[in-house]
């Protein structure tokens, strides 16, 4: 590449944020004229942004100018103007609902704000609006179950969690938890005097009836992610903007 071409590319890239190969192609089309190549590039971006965003050409031109002709920045700015934070999370992560739910929970913690000492105190959650309260109770309970295991989660705010499962009409899932909880309590009461805590835990986790209730929970659990995602969509105005 001769010095004249290098200088033209540098000049073009000082005018618009265009990649090296694209800059070379533009300059070839515009007889090496950086100013003309820059205008050509801006027109290309204008058509792409108008098509992607649905804006008029004038609106798209203003958005591009404000973003320094960076298409990604322009699209992000349009998204932020059109949609709340929660809506943007739902749109971006609709194929990975678990990730979307984690990000929404983080947004609620920051927006409220909620104080966390490893696990959230459920007393704080009572102060939330109804839809985020339901969401956060179940998200926190599910996080605990993921980390500590199913049998331990039966000791973690189970009545509050079951109430919210039923509120979301996930009755089969709630039933499986109630049945597992009853079976665990029965086993622990029956062998409290003879088994050590470690032996009691092993007895519970090896019990066929207890395991059948856990298996039922595992089958129904994927419905929770879908239902929570739908719940946020339905009540999005109660979630962080």
Protein backbone atom coordinates (compact mmCIF):
# COMPACT_ATOMS: atom_id res chain seq x y z
CA UNK A 1 0.00 0.00 0.00
CA UNK A 2 1.55 3.31 -1.06
CA UNK A 3 1.76 6.35 1.26
CA UNK A 4 -1.03 8.15 -0.60
CA UNK A 5 -3.46 5.27 0.04
CA UNK A 6 -2.40 5.08 3.68
CA UNK A 7 -2.97 8.79 4.12
CA UNK A 8 -6.40 8.58 2.46
CA UNK A 9 -7.44 5.70 4.72
CA UNK A 10 -6.25 7.57 7.81
CA UNK A 11 -8.15 10.65 6.75
CA UNK A 12 -11.31 8.66 6.05
CA UNK A 13 -11.11 6.89 9.40
CA UNK A 14 -10.70 10.24 11.15
CA UNK A 15 -14.06 11.25 9.66
CA UNK A 16 -16.05 8.07 10.30
CA UNK A 17 -15.40 4.90 12.39
CA UNK A 18 -15.01 2.53 9.45
CA UNK A 19 -13.01 -0.69 9.41
CA UNK A 20 -9.78 -0.92 7.42
CA UNK A 21 -11.04 -3.22 4.63
CA UNK A 22 -14.29 -1.32 4.29
CA UNK A 23 -12.31 1.93 4.12
CA UNK A 24 -10.21 0.54 1.26
CA UNK A 25 -13.33 -0.56 -0.63
CA UNK A 26 -14.99 2.83 -0.15
CA UNK A 27 -11.94 4.70 -1.38
CA UNK A 28 -11.71 2.49 -4.45
CA UNK A 29 -15.36 3.30 -5.22
CA UNK A 30 -14.78 7.03 -4.65
CA UNK A 31 -11.53 7.43 -6.61
CA UNK A 32 -9.48 7.85 -3.42
CA UNK A 33 -11.51 10.84 -2.17
CA UNK A 34 -11.87 10.54 1.65
CA UNK A 35 -14.64 13.16 1.94
CA UNK A 36 -16.74 11.48 -0.72
CA UNK A 37 -16.05 8.04 0.81
CA UNK A 38 -17.15 9.33 4.22
CA UNK A 39 -20.46 10.60 2.80
CA UNK A 40 -20.97 7.30 1.02
CA UNK A 41 -20.37 5.44 4.28
CA UNK A 42 -22.80 7.69 6.17
CA UNK A 43 -25.47 6.98 3.57
CA UNK A 44 -24.86 3.24 3.91
CA UNK A 45 -25.26 3.47 7.68
CA UNK A 46 -28.35 5.61 7.28
CA UNK A 47 -30.12 2.96 5.20
CA UNK A 48 -29.11 0.17 7.57
CA UNK A 49 -30.21 2.05 10.70
CA UNK A 50 -33.53 3.11 9.19
CA UNK A 51 -34.20 -0.48 8.14
CA UNK A 52 -33.24 -1.98 11.51
CA UNK A 53 -34.96 0.61 13.69
CA UNK A 54 -38.00 1.61 11.67
CA UNK A 55 -37.07 5.29 12.07
CA UNK A 56 -37.55 7.83 9.32
CA UNK A 57 -34.42 8.83 7.42
CA UNK A 58 -34.29 12.16 9.24
CA UNK A 59 -34.62 10.50 12.63
CA UNK A 60 -32.01 7.91 11.69
CA UNK A 61 -29.65 10.63 10.46
CA UNK A 62 -29.94 12.48 13.77
CA UNK A 63 -29.37 9.27 15.76
CA UNK A 64 -26.26 8.46 13.72
CA UNK A 65 -24.89 11.97 14.12
CA UNK A 66 -25.41 11.84 17.90
CA UNK A 67 -23.64 8.46 18.02
CA UNK A 68 -20.65 9.65 16.02
CA UNK A 69 -21.69 7.39 13.13
CA UNK A 70 -21.18 4.31 15.25
CA UNK A 71 -24.04 2.01 14.22
CA UNK A 72 -23.90 -0.08 17.41
CA UNK A 73 -24.03 3.00 19.63
CA UNK A 74 -26.90 4.43 17.61
CA UNK A 75 -28.93 1.22 17.91
CA UNK A 76 -28.23 1.03 21.65
CA UNK A 77 -29.35 4.63 22.15
CA UNK A 78 -32.57 3.94 20.24
CA UNK A 79 -33.20 0.84 22.37
CA UNK A 80 -32.66 2.81 25.57
CA UNK A 81 -35.05 5.53 24.44
CA UNK A 82 -37.76 3.04 23.42
CA UNK A 83 -37.57 0.39 26.12
CA UNK A 84 -37.09 0.15 29.87
CA UNK A 85 -34.09 -1.69 31.31
CA UNK A 86 -36.29 -4.71 32.03
CA UNK A 87 -37.71 -4.73 28.52
CA UNK A 88 -34.23 -4.56 27.04
CA UNK A 89 -33.16 -7.56 29.12
CA UNK A 90 -36.23 -9.52 28.03
CA UNK A 91 -35.59 -8.69 24.36
CA UNK A 92 -31.88 -9.44 24.42
CA UNK A 93 -32.01 -12.69 26.42
CA UNK A 94 -35.34 -14.19 25.33
CA UNK A 95 -33.51 -17.36 24.21
CA UNK A 96 -31.75 -17.74 27.58
CA UNK A 97 -34.51 -17.16 30.11
CA UNK A 98 -32.39 -18.17 33.09
CA UNK A 99 -29.86 -15.47 32.22
CA UNK A 100 -32.64 -12.92 31.71
CA UNK A 101 -34.13 -13.71 35.12
CA UNK A 102 -30.73 -13.37 36.83
CA UNK A 103 -30.16 -9.95 35.24
CA UNK A 104 -33.64 -8.75 36.19
CA UNK A 105 -33.06 -9.86 39.79
CA UNK A 106 -29.78 -7.94 39.84
CA UNK A 107 -31.54 -4.87 38.46
CA UNK A 108 -34.17 -5.06 41.23
CA UNK A 109 -31.48 -5.38 43.91
CA UNK A 110 -29.79 -2.22 42.62
CA UNK A 111 -32.97 -0.24 42.00
CA UNK A 112 -34.60 -0.82 45.39
CA UNK A 113 -31.85 -1.21 46.80
CA UNK A 114 -31.88 -4.54 48.63
CA UNK A 115 -29.25 -5.37 51.24
CA UNK A 116 -27.72 -8.81 50.80
CA UNK A 117 -25.83 -10.79 53.41
CA UNK A 118 -25.12 -13.74 51.13
CA UNK A 119 -28.88 -14.45 50.96
CA UNK A 120 -31.53 -11.76 50.90
CA UNK A 121 -33.64 -11.22 54.01
CA UNK A 122 -37.19 -12.01 52.94
CA UNK A 123 -38.52 -9.24 55.22
CA UNK A 124 -37.11 -6.75 52.71
CA UNK A 125 -39.02 -8.38 49.89
CA UNK A 126 -42.33 -7.64 51.59
CA UNK A 127 -41.76 -3.96 50.79
CA UNK A 128 -41.62 -4.56 47.03
CA UNK A 129 -44.52 -4.09 44.63
CA UNK A 130 -46.55 -7.31 44.24
CA UNK A 131 -45.07 -8.53 40.95
CA UNK A 132 -41.37 -7.95 41.84
CA UNK A 133 -42.02 -9.42 45.31
CA UNK A 134 -43.33 -12.66 43.80
CA UNK A 135 -40.43 -12.72 41.36
CA UNK A 136 -37.72 -12.09 43.95
CA UNK A 137 -39.07 -14.63 46.48
CA UNK A 138 -38.97 -17.36 43.84
CA UNK A 139 -35.70 -16.27 42.26
CA UNK A 140 -33.96 -16.23 45.65
CA UNK A 141 -35.47 -19.55 46.70
CA UNK A 142 -34.42 -21.12 43.40
CA UNK A 143 -30.89 -19.73 43.78
CA UNK A 144 -30.71 -21.28 47.26
CA UNK A 145 -31.95 -24.62 45.96
CA UNK A 146 -29.37 -24.54 43.15
CA UNK A 147 -26.56 -23.85 45.63
CA UNK A 148 -27.53 -25.79 48.75
CA UNK A 149 -29.56 -28.67 47.30
CA UNK A 150 -33.19 -29.70 47.31
CA UNK A 151 -33.39 -31.08 50.86
CA UNK A 152 -31.79 -27.95 52.35
CA UNK A 153 -34.08 -25.67 50.35
CA UNK A 154 -37.06 -27.19 52.13
CA UNK A 155 -35.86 -25.30 55.22
CA UNK A 156 -35.43 -21.96 53.37
CA UNK A 157 -38.60 -19.82 53.50
CA UNK A 158 -40.59 -22.70 52.06
CA UNK A 159 -44.08 -21.39 53.00
CA UNK A 160 -43.39 -18.07 51.25
CA UNK A 161 -42.05 -19.86 48.18
CA UNK A 162 -44.99 -22.27 47.98
CA UNK A 163 -47.44 -19.37 48.31
CA UNK A 164 -45.82 -17.66 45.31
CA UNK A 165 -45.71 -20.90 43.30
CA UNK A 166 -49.45 -21.17 43.79
CA UNK A 167 -49.87 -17.48 42.95
CA UNK A 168 -48.29 -18.28 39.57
CA UNK A 169 -50.61 -21.30 39.26
CA UNK A 170 -47.70 -23.73 39.41
CA UNK A 171 -49.72 -26.02 41.64
CA UNK A 172 -48.06 -29.30 40.62
CA UNK A 173 -44.66 -27.86 41.51
CA UNK A 174 -45.98 -26.54 44.84
CA UNK A 175 -47.56 -29.94 45.59
CA UNK A 176 -44.25 -31.73 45.01
CA UNK A 177 -42.52 -29.40 47.48
CA UNK A 178 -45.20 -29.81 50.13
CA UNK A 179 -45.10 -33.60 49.79
CA UNK A 180 -41.30 -33.68 49.98
CA UNK A 181 -41.38 -31.43 53.03
CA UNK A 182 -43.92 -33.65 54.80
CA UNK A 183 -41.91 -36.78 54.02
CA UNK A 184 -38.67 -35.22 55.25
CA UNK A 185 -40.31 -34.07 58.50
CA UNK A 186 -41.80 -37.54 59.03
CA UNK A 187 -38.44 -39.26 58.55
CA UNK A 188 -36.61 -36.83 60.81
CA UNK A 189 -39.25 -37.13 63.55
CA UNK A 190 -39.27 -40.93 63.34
CA UNK A 191 -35.48 -41.28 63.69
CA UNK A 192 -34.54 -38.19 65.68
CA UNK A 193 -33.50 -40.15 68.76
CA UNK A 194 -31.48 -42.84 67.00
CA UNK A 195 -29.74 -41.14 64.07
CA UNK A 196 -27.06 -38.47 64.05
CA UNK A 197 -27.77 -35.34 61.95
CA UNK A 198 -25.55 -36.76 59.19
CA UNK A 199 -27.35 -40.11 59.28
CA UNK A 200 -30.73 -38.36 59.24
CA UNK A 201 -29.75 -36.38 56.15
CA UNK A 202 -28.58 -39.57 54.44
CA UNK A 203 -31.79 -41.36 55.40
CA UNK A 204 -33.86 -38.57 53.84
CA UNK A 205 -31.86 -38.45 50.62
CA UNK A 206 -31.97 -42.24 50.23
CA UNK A 207 -35.68 -42.55 50.89
CA UNK A 208 -37.54 -43.71 47.73
CA UNK A 209 -40.70 -41.75 48.53
CA UNK A 210 -38.77 -38.54 49.23
CA UNK A 211 -36.82 -39.04 46.01
CA UNK A 212 -40.03 -39.52 44.03
CA UNK A 213 -41.23 -36.11 45.23
CA UNK A 214 -37.88 -34.57 44.30
CA UNK A 215 -38.08 -36.20 40.86
CA UNK A 216 -41.52 -34.67 40.39
CA UNK A 217 -40.13 -31.25 41.36
CA UNK A 218 -37.29 -31.66 38.85
CA UNK A 219 -39.80 -32.46 36.09
CA UNK A 220 -41.91 -29.40 36.83
CA UNK A 221 -39.06 -27.01 37.56
CA UNK A 222 -38.42 -25.91 33.92
CA UNK A 223 -41.95 -24.50 33.91
CA UNK A 224 -40.83 -22.03 36.57
CA UNK A 225 -38.35 -20.27 34.26
CA UNK A 226 -40.99 -19.94 31.54
CA UNK A 227 -43.63 -18.73 33.96
CA UNK A 228 -41.38 -16.17 35.65
CA UNK A 229 -40.35 -14.81 32.26
CA UNK A 230 -44.02 -14.47 31.30
CA UNK A 231 -44.75 -12.90 34.69
CA UNK A 232 -42.19 -10.15 34.10
CA UNK A 233 -43.56 -9.52 30.60
CA UNK A 234 -47.10 -9.23 31.97
CA UNK A 235 -46.11 -6.83 34.79
CA UNK A 236 -43.11 -5.12 33.23
CA UNK A 237 -44.13 -1.64 34.46
CA UNK A 238 -43.54 -2.77 38.05
CA UNK A 239 -39.96 -3.76 37.21
CA UNK A 240 -36.87 -1.51 36.86
CA UNK A 241 -37.04 1.12 34.17
